[in-house]
Amino acid sequence: MTATKIDLKALNVNPTGDGIIGFSNFAETWNGRMAMIGFAAGLANEIVTGKGILAQIGITGAGGLLVALFLTGFTIATMVGYYAIKVVKLEETATPQESAS
């Protein structure tokens, strides 16, 4: 078994960052800005109402913790699966080129 070098730039969905739709620099910048505004609004509402962010949408008690843990786990599993598939595809495309030399 030989170690293969994986080009990490090839794992990027949109390596150039061009465009305004999809995983582009423009779209991700605005996604981050909107997330920050939403978090700040939730935090401000928490200060005004005295309820936590999850309680504001009706999730209270241990159920809120379970929902947060589920969403975190789902996000991590999705990211790991996505990148694992990309790595396997990169290894499959790299193997025939190495054997041809």
PDB file of N, CA and C in Angstrom:
ATOM      1  N   MET A   1       0.850  -1.172   0.000  1.00  0.00           N
ATOM      2  CA  MET A   1       0.000   0.000   0.000  1.00  0.00           C
ATOM      3  C   MET A   1       0.897   1.237   0.000  1.00  0.00           C
ATOM      4  N   THR A   2       0.643   2.123  -0.932  1.00  0.00           N
ATOM      5  CA  THR A   2       1.420   3.355  -1.021  1.00  0.00           C
ATOM      6  C   THR A   2       0.552   4.528  -0.589  1.00  0.00           C
ATOM      7  N   ALA A   3       1.197   5.492  -0.008  1.00  0.00           N
ATOM      8  CA  ALA A   3       0.474   6.695   0.409  1.00  0.00           C
ATOM      9  C   ALA A   3       0.258   7.584  -0.813  1.00  0.00           C
ATOM     10  N   THR A   4      -0.965   8.047  -0.966  1.00  0.00           N
ATOM     11  CA  THR A   4      -1.259   8.934  -2.085  1.00  0.00           C
ATOM     12  C   THR A   4      -1.477  10.343  -1.560  1.00  0.00           C
ATOM     13  N   LYS A   5      -1.018  11.306  -2.314  1.00  0.00           N
ATOM     14  CA  LYS A   5      -1.197  12.701  -1.929  1.00  0.00           C
ATOM     15  C   LYS A   5      -2.560  13.163  -2.425  1.00  0.00           C
ATOM     16  N   ILE A   6      -3.365  13.711  -1.535  1.00  0.00           N
ATOM     17  CA  ILE A   6      -4.701  14.172  -1.878  1.00  0.00           C
ATOM     18  C   ILE A   6      -4.665  15.689  -2.016  1.00  0.00           C
ATOM     19  N   ASP A   7      -5.131  16.175  -3.143  1.00  0.00           N
ATOM     20  CA  ASP A   7      -5.197  17.612  -3.378  1.00  0.00           C
ATOM     21  C   ASP A   7      -6.406  18.168  -2.628  1.00  0.00           C
ATOM     22  N   LEU A   8      -6.165  18.881  -1.538  1.00  0.00           N
ATOM     23  CA  LEU A   8      -7.261  19.388  -0.720  1.00  0.00           C
ATOM     24  C   LEU A   8      -8.085  20.440  -1.450  1.00  0.00           C
ATOM     25  N   LYS A   9      -7.497  21.128  -2.422  1.00  0.00           N
ATOM     26  CA  LYS A   9      -8.256  22.107  -3.187  1.00  0.00           C
ATOM     27  C   LYS A   9      -9.330  21.426  -4.035  1.00  0.00           C
ATOM     28  N   ALA A  10      -9.096  20.176  -4.423  1.00  0.00           N
ATOM     29  CA  ALA A  10     -10.078  19.459  -5.221  1.00  0.00           C
ATOM     30  C   ALA A  10     -11.306  19.072  -4.391  1.00  0.00           C
ATOM     31  N   LEU A  11     -11.196  19.107  -3.057  1.00  0.00           N
ATOM     32  CA  LEU A  11     -12.343  18.801  -2.207  1.00  0.00           C
ATOM     33  C   LEU A  11     -13.351  19.939  -2.189  1.00  0.00           C
ATOM     34  N   ASN A  12     -12.930  21.111  -2.597  1.00  0.00           N
ATOM     35  CA  ASN A  12     -13.818  22.268  -2.613  1.00  0.00           C
ATOM     36  C   ASN A  12     -14.865  22.103  -3.707  1.00  0.00           C
ATOM     37  N   VAL A  13     -16.118  22.404  -3.390  1.00  0.00           N
ATOM     38  CA  VAL A  13     -17.197  22.277  -4.361  1.00  0.00           C
ATOM     39  C   VAL A  13     -17.043  23.296  -5.480  1.00  0.00           C
ATOM     40  N   ASN A  14     -16.641  24.494  -5.134  1.00  0.00           N
ATOM     41  CA  ASN A  14     -16.465  25.574  -6.103  1.00  0.00           C
ATOM     42  C   ASN A  14     -15.101  26.188  -5.852  1.00  0.00           C
ATOM     43  N   PRO A  15     -14.026  25.574  -6.373  1.00  0.00           N
ATOM     44  CA  PRO A  15     -12.680  26.039  -6.018  1.00  0.00           C
ATOM     45  C   PRO A  15     -12.369  27.467  -6.435  1.00  0.00           C
ATOM     46  N   THR A  16     -13.023  27.975  -7.485  1.00  0.00           N
ATOM     47  CA  THR A  16     -12.736  29.341  -7.914  1.00  0.00           C
ATOM     48  C   THR A  16     -13.501  30.372  -7.104  1.00  0.00           C
ATOM     49  N   GLY A  17     -14.640  29.970  -6.517  1.00  0.00           N
ATOM     50  CA  GLY A  17     -15.459  30.899  -5.747  1.00  0.00           C
ATOM     51  C   GLY A  17     -16.285  31.816  -6.619  1.00  0.00           C
ATOM     52  N   ASP A  18     -16.369  31.520  -7.913  1.00  0.00           N
ATOM     53  CA  ASP A  18     -17.117  32.371  -8.839  1.00  0.00           C
ATOM     54  C   ASP A  18     -18.618  32.151  -8.697  1.00  0.00           C
ATOM     55  N   GLY A  19     -19.387  33.137  -9.143  1.00  0.00           N
ATOM     56  CA  GLY A  19     -20.844  33.027  -9.154  1.00  0.00           C
ATOM     57  C   GLY A  19     -21.476  33.585  -7.900  1.00  0.00           C
ATOM     58  N   ILE A  20     -22.817  33.613  -7.921  1.00  0.00           N
ATOM     59  CA  ILE A  20     -23.543  34.100  -6.750  1.00  0.00           C
ATOM     60  C   ILE A  20     -24.460  33.034  -6.174  1.00  0.00           C
ATOM     61  N   ILE A  21     -24.585  31.885  -6.833  1.00  0.00           N
ATOM     62  CA  ILE A  21     -25.459  30.801  -6.375  1.00  0.00           C
ATOM     63  C   ILE A  21     -24.594  29.589  -6.062  1.00  0.00           C
ATOM     64  N   GLY A  22     -24.974  28.829  -5.031  1.00  0.00           N
ATOM     65  CA  GLY A  22     -24.215  27.640  -4.660  1.00  0.00           C
ATOM     66  C   GLY A  22     -23.125  27.982  -3.666  1.00  0.00           C
ATOM     67  N   PHE A  23     -22.090  27.157  -3.603  1.00  0.00           N
ATOM     68  CA  PHE A  23     -20.991  27.362  -2.653  1.00  0.00           C
ATOM     69  C   PHE A  23     -19.979  28.333  -3.244  1.00  0.00           C
ATOM     70  N   SER A  24     -20.380  29.572  -3.376  1.00  0.00           N
ATOM     71  CA  SER A  24     -19.476  30.600  -3.897  1.00  0.00           C
ATOM     72  C   SER A  24     -19.082  31.520  -2.755  1.00  0.00           C
ATOM     73  N   ASN A  25     -18.030  32.275  -2.974  1.00  0.00           N
ATOM     74  CA  ASN A  25     -17.590  33.219  -1.932  1.00  0.00           C
ATOM     75  C   ASN A  25     -18.686  34.227  -1.605  1.00  0.00           C
ATOM     76  N   PHE A  26     -19.372  34.710  -2.635  1.00  0.00           N
ATOM     77  CA  PHE A  26     -20.444  35.691  -2.445  1.00  0.00           C
ATOM     78  C   PHE A  26     -21.571  35.108  -1.587  1.00  0.00           C
ATOM     79  N   ALA A  27     -22.047  33.913  -1.968  1.00  0.00           N
ATOM     80  CA  ALA A  27     -23.164  33.295  -1.252  1.00  0.00           C
ATOM     81  C   ALA A  27     -22.787  32.942   0.183  1.00  0.00           C
ATOM     82  N   GLU A  28     -21.591  32.425   0.384  1.00  0.00           N
ATOM     83  CA  GLU A  28     -21.176  32.039   1.725  1.00  0.00           C
ATOM     84  C   GLU A  28     -20.947  33.255   2.615  1.00  0.00           C
ATOM     85  N   THR A  29     -20.485  34.360   2.034  1.00  0.00           N
ATOM     86  CA  THR A  29     -20.330  35.592   2.813  1.00  0.00           C
ATOM     87  C   THR A  29     -21.679  36.071   3.317  1.00  0.00           C
ATOM     88  N   TRP A  30     -22.679  36.089   2.430  1.00  0.00           N
ATOM     89  CA  TRP A  30     -24.013  36.535   2.845  1.00  0.00           C
ATOM     90  C   TRP A  30     -24.675  35.540   3.791  1.00  0.00           C
ATOM     91  N   ASN A  31     -24.418  34.253   3.603  1.00  0.00           N
ATOM     92  CA  ASN A  31     -24.956  33.247   4.521  1.00  0.00           C
ATOM     93  C   ASN A  31     -24.409  33.489   5.926  1.00  0.00           C
ATOM     94  N   GLY A  32     -23.115  33.765   6.031  1.00  0.00           N
ATOM     95  CA  GLY A  32     -22.508  34.055   7.325  1.00  0.00           C
ATOM     96  C   GLY A  32     -23.059  35.321   7.948  1.00  0.00           C
ATOM     97  N   ARG A  33     -23.257  36.350   7.130  1.00  0.00           N
ATOM     98  CA  ARG A  33     -23.801  37.609   7.646  1.00  0.00           C
ATOM     99  C   ARG A  33     -25.213  37.418   8.179  1.00  0.00           C
ATOM    100  N   MET A  34     -26.033  36.699   7.446  1.00  0.00           N
ATOM    101  CA  MET A  34     -27.418  36.467   7.886  1.00  0.00           C
ATOM    102  C   MET A  34     -27.453  35.610   9.152  1.00  0.00           C
ATOM    103  N   ALA A  35     -26.546  34.648   9.254  1.00  0.00           N
ATOM    104  CA  ALA A  35     -26.477  33.828  10.467  1.00  0.00           C
ATOM    105  C   ALA A  35     -26.096  34.677  11.677  1.00  0.00           C
ATOM    106  N   MET A  36     -25.159  35.597  11.489  1.00  0.00           N
ATOM    107  CA  MET A  36     -24.762  36.480  12.592  1.00  0.00           C
ATOM    108  C   MET A  36     -25.908  37.392  13.011  1.00  0.00           C
ATOM    109  N   ILE A  37     -26.647  37.921  12.039  1.00  0.00           N
ATOM    110  CA  ILE A  37     -27.795  38.774  12.352  1.00  0.00           C
ATOM    111  C   ILE A  37     -28.862  37.968  13.100  1.00  0.00           C
ATOM    112  N   GLY A  38     -29.117  36.754  12.635  1.00  0.00           N
ATOM    113  CA  GLY A  38     -30.107  35.897  13.301  1.00  0.00           C
ATOM    114  C   GLY A  38     -29.707  35.555  14.723  1.00  0.00           C
ATOM    115  N   PHE A  39     -28.423  35.250  14.923  1.00  0.00           N
ATOM    116  CA  PHE A  39     -27.953  34.935  16.266  1.00  0.00           C
ATOM    117  C   PHE A  39     -28.058  36.158  17.181  1.00  0.00           C
ATOM    118  N   ALA A  40     -27.677  37.332  16.662  1.00  0.00           N
ATOM    119  CA  ALA A  40     -27.766  38.561  17.454  1.00  0.00           C
ATOM    120  C   ALA A  40     -29.221  38.879  17.801  1.00  0.00           C
ATOM    121  N   ALA A  41     -30.132  38.661  16.845  1.00  0.00           N
ATOM    122  CA  ALA A  41     -31.549  38.914  17.108  1.00  0.00           C
ATOM    123  C   ALA A  41     -32.081  37.945  18.160  1.00  0.00           C
ATOM    124  N   GLY A  42     -31.685  36.678  18.081  1.00  0.00           N
ATOM    125  CA  GLY A  42     -32.101  35.700  19.087  1.00  0.00           C
ATOM    126  C   GLY A  42     -31.566  36.034  20.459  1.00  0.00           C
ATOM    127  N   LEU A  43     -30.320  36.479  20.511  1.00  0.00           N
ATOM    128  CA  LEU A  43     -29.713  36.854  21.777  1.00  0.00           C
ATOM    129  C   LEU A  43     -30.401  38.093  22.363  1.00  0.00           C
ATOM    130  N   ALA A  44     -30.694  39.074  21.510  1.00  0.00           N
ATOM    131  CA  ALA A  44     -31.395  40.273  21.985  1.00  0.00           C
ATOM    132  C   ALA A  44     -32.783  39.916  22.499  1.00  0.00           C
ATOM    133  N   ASN A  45     -33.467  39.029  21.787  1.00  0.00           N
ATOM    134  CA  ASN A  45     -34.797  38.603  22.222  1.00  0.00           C
ATOM    135  C   ASN A  45     -34.716  37.820  23.526  1.00  0.00           C
ATOM    136  N   GLU A  46     -33.620  37.078  23.719  1.00  0.00           N
ATOM    137  CA  GLU A  46     -33.428  36.355  24.974  1.00  0.00           C
ATOM    138  C   GLU A  46     -33.271  37.335  26.138  1.00  0.00           C
ATOM    139  N   ILE A  47     -32.569  38.422  25.902  1.00  0.00           N
ATOM    140  CA  ILE A  47     -32.391  39.436  26.948  1.00  0.00           C
ATOM    141  C   ILE A  47     -33.724  40.110  27.279  1.00  0.00           C
ATOM    142  N   VAL A  48     -34.519  40.393  26.247  1.00  0.00           N
ATOM    143  CA  VAL A  48     -35.800  41.082  26.450  1.00  0.00           C
ATOM    144  C   VAL A  48     -36.816  40.170  27.128  1.00  0.00           C
ATOM    145  N   THR A  49     -36.964  38.931  26.650  1.00  0.00           N
ATOM    146  CA  THR A  49     -38.010  38.036  27.154  1.00  0.00           C
ATOM    147  C   THR A  49     -37.583  37.206  28.345  1.00  0.00           C
ATOM    148  N   GLY A  50     -36.287  36.988  28.503  1.00  0.00           N
ATOM    149  CA  GLY A  50     -35.811  36.128  29.586  1.00  0.00           C
ATOM    150  C   GLY A  50     -35.859  34.655  29.234  1.00  0.00           C
ATOM    151  N   LYS A  51     -36.283  34.320  28.020  1.00  0.00           N
ATOM    152  CA  LYS A  51     -36.321  32.927  27.568  1.00  0.00           C
ATOM    153  C   LYS A  51     -35.119  32.662  26.673  1.00  0.00           C
ATOM    154  N   GLY A  52     -34.599  31.440  26.741  1.00  0.00           N
ATOM    155  CA  GLY A  52     -33.499  31.053  25.870  1.00  0.00           C
ATOM    156  C   GLY A  52     -33.953  30.963  24.418  1.00  0.00           C
ATOM    157  N   ILE A  53     -32.978  30.846  23.523  1.00  0.00           N
ATOM    158  CA  ILE A  53     -33.292  30.811  22.092  1.00  0.00           C
ATOM    159  C   ILE A  53     -34.191  29.622  21.749  1.00  0.00           C
ATOM    160  N   LEU A  54     -33.910  28.439  22.299  1.00  0.00           N
ATOM    161  CA  LEU A  54     -34.760  27.273  22.016  1.00  0.00           C
ATOM    162  C   LEU A  54     -36.139  27.419  22.647  1.00  0.00           C
ATOM    163  N   ALA A  55     -36.212  28.026  23.838  1.00  0.00           N
ATOM    164  CA  ALA A  55     -37.504  28.230  24.494  1.00  0.00           C
ATOM    165  C   ALA A  55     -38.374  29.208  23.720  1.00  0.00           C
ATOM    166  N   GLN A  56     -37.754  30.124  22.991  1.00  0.00           N
ATOM    167  CA  GLN A  56     -38.513  31.088  22.207  1.00  0.00           C
ATOM    168  C   GLN A  56     -39.307  30.405  21.090  1.00  0.00           C
ATOM    169  N   ILE A  57     -38.808  29.277  20.617  1.00  0.00           N
ATOM    170  CA  ILE A  57     -39.535  28.562  19.559  1.00  0.00           C
ATOM    171  C   ILE A  57     -40.291  27.355  20.106  1.00  0.00           C
ATOM    172  N   GLY A  58     -40.383  27.269  21.443  1.00  0.00           N
ATOM    173  CA  GLY A  58     -41.228  26.249  22.056  1.00  0.00           C
ATOM    174  C   GLY A  58     -40.533  24.963  22.449  1.00  0.00           C
ATOM    175  N   ILE A  59     -39.210  24.914  22.404  1.00  0.00           N
ATOM    176  CA  ILE A  59     -38.470  23.709  22.803  1.00  0.00           C
ATOM    177  C   ILE A  59     -37.888  23.975  24.180  1.00  0.00           C
ATOM    178  N   THR A  60     -38.431  23.288  25.208  1.00  0.00           N
ATOM    179  CA  THR A  60     -37.987  23.520  26.580  1.00  0.00           C
ATOM    180  C   THR A  60     -37.567  22.209  27.229  1.00  0.00           C
ATOM    181  N   GLY A  61     -36.867  22.319  28.336  1.00  0.00           N
ATOM    182  CA  GLY A  61     -36.461  21.155  29.113  1.00  0.00           C
ATOM    183  C   GLY A  61     -35.387  20.341  28.424  1.00  0.00           C
ATOM    184  N   ALA A  62     -35.378  19.032  28.732  1.00  0.00           N
ATOM    185  CA  ALA A  62     -34.374  18.134  28.169  1.00  0.00           C
ATOM    186  C   ALA A  62     -34.573  17.954  26.667  1.00  0.00           C
ATOM    187  N   GLY A  63     -35.768  18.192  26.181  1.00  0.00           N
ATOM    188  CA  GLY A  63     -36.025  18.074  24.746  1.00  0.00           C
ATOM    189  C   GLY A  63     -35.191  19.055  23.941  1.00  0.00           C
ATOM    190  N   GLY A  64     -34.947  20.234  24.470  1.00  0.00           N
ATOM    191  CA  GLY A  64     -34.136  21.227  23.780  1.00  0.00           C
ATOM    192  C   GLY A  64     -32.705  20.770  23.613  1.00  0.00           C
ATOM    193  N   LEU A  65     -32.173  20.155  24.648  1.00  0.00           N
ATOM    194  CA  LEU A  65     -30.815  19.630  24.568  1.00  0.00           C
ATOM    195  C   LEU A  65     -30.730  18.511  23.548  1.00  0.00           C
ATOM    196  N   LEU A  66     -31.732  17.647  23.538  1.00  0.00           N
ATOM    197  CA  LEU A  66     -31.745  16.551  22.565  1.00  0.00           C
ATOM    198  C   LEU A  66     -31.841  17.061  21.132  1.00  0.00           C
ATOM    199  N   VAL A  67     -32.656  18.079  20.913  1.00  0.00           N
ATOM    200  CA  VAL A  67     -32.772  18.662  19.577  1.00  0.00           C
ATOM    201  C   VAL A  67     -31.439  19.272  19.158  1.00  0.00           C
ATOM    202  N   ALA A  68     -30.805  20.012  20.053  1.00  0.00           N
ATOM    203  CA  ALA A  68     -29.517  20.632  19.735  1.00  0.00           C
ATOM    204  C   ALA A  68     -28.459  19.572  19.447  1.00  0.00           C
ATOM    205  N   LEU A  69     -28.405  18.523  20.256  1.00  0.00           N
ATOM    206  CA  LEU A  69     -27.441  17.447  20.022  1.00  0.00           C
ATOM    207  C   LEU A  69     -27.719  16.714  18.715  1.00  0.00           C
ATOM    208  N   PHE A  70     -28.998  16.481  18.401  1.00  0.00           N
ATOM    209  CA  PHE A  70     -29.346  15.813  17.151  1.00  0.00           C
ATOM    210  C   PHE A  70     -28.913  16.652  15.950  1.00  0.00           C
ATOM    211  N   LEU A  71     -29.215  17.937  15.978  1.00  0.00           N
ATOM    212  CA  LEU A  71     -28.852  18.796  14.853  1.00  0.00           C
ATOM    213  C   LEU A  71     -27.338  18.905  14.689  1.00  0.00           C
ATOM    214  N   THR A  72     -26.621  18.966  15.801  1.00  0.00           N
ATOM    215  CA  THR A  72     -25.161  19.003  15.736  1.00  0.00           C
ATOM    216  C   THR A  72     -24.612  17.704  15.171  1.00  0.00           C
ATOM    217  N   GLY A  73     -25.115  16.588  15.658  1.00  0.00           N
ATOM    218  CA  GLY A  73     -24.673  15.287  15.153  1.00  0.00           C
ATOM    219  C   GLY A  73     -25.010  15.088  13.692  1.00  0.00           C
ATOM    220  N   PHE A  74     -26.184  15.520  13.281  1.00  0.00           N
ATOM    221  CA  PHE A  74     -26.592  15.395  11.883  1.00  0.00           C
ATOM    222  C   PHE A  74     -25.689  16.229  10.979  1.00  0.00           C
ATOM    223  N   THR A  75     -25.363  17.425  11.426  1.00  0.00           N
ATOM    224  CA  THR A  75     -24.483  18.292  10.646  1.00  0.00           C
ATOM    225  C   THR A  75     -23.095  17.678  10.499  1.00  0.00           C
ATOM    226  N   ILE A  76     -22.551  17.177  11.584  1.00  0.00           N
ATOM    227  CA  ILE A  76     -21.218  16.564  11.548  1.00  0.00           C
ATOM    228  C   ILE A  76     -21.229  15.314  10.665  1.00  0.00           C
ATOM    229  N   ALA A  77     -22.258  14.471  10.805  1.00  0.00           N
ATOM    230  CA  ALA A  77     -22.339  13.256   9.995  1.00  0.00           C
ATOM    231  C   ALA A  77     -22.447  13.582   8.513  1.00  0.00           C
ATOM    232  N   THR A  78     -23.200  14.610   8.180  1.00  0.00           N
ATOM    233  CA  THR A  78     -23.339  15.009   6.785  1.00  0.00           C
ATOM    234  C   THR A  78     -22.012  15.502   6.231  1.00  0.00           C
ATOM    235  N   MET A  79     -21.310  16.317   7.002  1.00  0.00           N
ATOM    236  CA  MET A  79     -20.016  16.836   6.538  1.00  0.00           C
ATOM    237  C   MET A  79     -19.000  15.716   6.372  1.00  0.00           C
ATOM    238  N   VAL A  80     -18.929  14.802   7.329  1.00  0.00           N
ATOM    239  CA  VAL A  80     -17.974  13.692   7.252  1.00  0.00           C
ATOM    240  C   VAL A  80     -18.296  12.809   6.047  1.00  0.00           C
ATOM    241  N   GLY A  81     -19.565  12.522   5.852  1.00  0.00           N
ATOM    242  CA  GLY A  81     -19.954  11.700   4.709  1.00  0.00           C
ATOM    243  C   GLY A  81     -19.624  12.362   3.393  1.00  0.00           C
ATOM    244  N   TYR A  82     -19.883  13.647   3.288  1.00  0.00           N
ATOM    245  CA  TYR A  82     -19.604  14.375   2.043  1.00  0.00           C
ATOM    246  C   TYR A  82     -18.122  14.326   1.711  1.00  0.00           C
ATOM    247  N   TYR A  83     -17.279  14.644   2.698  1.00  0.00           N
ATOM    248  CA  TYR A  83     -15.845  14.675   2.437  1.00  0.00           C
ATOM    249  C   TYR A  83     -15.275  13.270   2.264  1.00  0.00           C
ATOM    250  N   ALA A  84     -15.848  12.272   2.926  1.00  0.00           N
ATOM    251  CA  ALA A  84     -15.382  10.901   2.732  1.00  0.00           C
ATOM    252  C   ALA A  84     -15.637  10.443   1.298  1.00  0.00           C
ATOM    253  N   ILE A  85     -16.794  10.783   0.756  1.00  0.00           N
ATOM    254  CA  ILE A  85     -17.105  10.427  -0.628  1.00  0.00           C
ATOM    255  C   ILE A  85     -16.156  11.148  -1.578  1.00  0.00           C
ATOM    256  N   LYS A  86     -15.896  12.438  -1.322  1.00  0.00           N
ATOM    257  CA  LYS A  86     -14.975  13.183  -2.176  1.00  0.00           C
ATOM    258  C   LYS A  86     -13.571  12.583  -2.135  1.00  0.00           C
ATOM    259  N   VAL A  87     -13.089  12.154  -0.954  1.00  0.00           N
ATOM    260  CA  VAL A  87     -11.759  11.575  -0.829  1.00  0.00           C
ATOM    261  C   VAL A  87     -11.691  10.260  -1.594  1.00  0.00           C
ATOM    262  N   VAL A  88     -12.716   9.433  -1.481  1.00  0.00           N
ATOM    263  CA  VAL A  88     -12.738   8.160  -2.191  1.00  0.00           C
ATOM    264  C   VAL A  88     -12.717   8.392  -3.700  1.00  0.00           C
ATOM    265  N   LYS A  89     -13.504   9.354  -4.177  1.00  0.00           N
ATOM    266  CA  LYS A  89     -13.513   9.654  -5.613  1.00  0.00           C
ATOM    267  C   LYS A  89     -12.151  10.160  -6.073  1.00  0.00           C
ATOM    268  N   LEU A  90     -11.498  10.984  -5.252  1.00  0.00           N
ATOM    269  CA  LEU A  90     -10.167  11.471  -5.608  1.00  0.00           C
ATOM    270  C   LEU A  90      -9.156  10.336  -5.649  1.00  0.00           C
ATOM    271  N   GLU A  91      -9.242   9.415  -4.699  1.00  0.00           N
ATOM    272  CA  GLU A  91      -8.326   8.277  -4.689  1.00  0.00           C
ATOM    273  C   GLU A  91      -8.562   7.374  -5.889  1.00  0.00           C
ATOM    274  N   GLU A  92      -9.830   7.195  -6.275  1.00  0.00           N
ATOM    275  CA  GLU A  92     -10.134   6.358  -7.438  1.00  0.00           C
ATOM    276  C   GLU A  92      -9.597   6.974  -8.720  1.00  0.00           C
ATOM    277  N   THR A  93      -9.685   8.288  -8.838  1.00  0.00           N
ATOM    278  CA  THR A  93      -9.171   8.937 -10.046  1.00  0.00           C
ATOM    279  C   THR A  93      -7.658   9.024 -10.037  1.00  0.00           C
ATOM    280  N   ALA A  94      -7.029   9.050  -8.860  1.00  0.00           N
ATOM    281  CA  ALA A  94      -5.582   9.145  -8.777  1.00  0.00           C
ATOM    282  C   ALA A  94      -4.914   7.783  -9.018  1.00  0.00           C
ATOM    283  N   THR A  95      -5.572   6.703  -8.673  1.00  0.00           N
ATOM    284  CA  THR A  95      -4.963   5.370  -8.792  1.00  0.00           C
ATOM    285  C   THR A  95      -4.654   4.984 -10.234  1.00  0.00           C
ATOM    286  N   PRO A  96      -5.566   5.117 -11.207  1.00  0.00           N
ATOM    287  CA  PRO A  96      -5.228   4.737 -12.578  1.00  0.00           C
ATOM    288  C   PRO A  96      -4.091   5.565 -13.162  1.00  0.00           C
ATOM    289  N   GLN A  97      -3.959   6.829 -12.798  1.00  0.00           N
ATOM    290  CA  GLN A  97      -2.892   7.666 -13.326  1.00  0.00           C
ATOM    291  C   GLN A  97      -1.537   7.203 -12.811  1.00  0.00           C
ATOM    292  N   GLU A  98      -1.484   6.779 -11.555  1.00  0.00           N
ATOM    293  CA  GLU A  98      -0.225   6.306 -11.001  1.00  0.00           C
ATOM    294  C   GLU A  98       0.194   4.967 -11.585  1.00  0.00           C
ATOM    295  N   SER A  99      -0.764   4.073 -11.840  1.00  0.00           N
ATOM    296  CA  SER A  99      -0.436   2.761 -12.385  1.00  0.00           C
ATOM    297  C   SER A  99      -0.050   2.843 -13.852  1.00  0.00           C
ATOM    298  N   ALA A 100      -0.503   3.901 -14.564  1.00  0.00           N
ATOM    299  CA  ALA A 100      -0.173   4.055 -15.981  1.00  0.00           C
ATOM    300  C   ALA A 100       1.278   4.500 -16.160  1.00  0.00           C
ATOM    301  N   SER A 101       1.880   5.123 -15.148  1.00  0.00           N
ATOM    302  CA  SER A 101       3.249   5.610 -15.304  1.00  0.00           C
ATOM    303  C   SER A 101       4.270   4.515 -15.181  1.00  0.00           C
TER     304      SER A 101
END
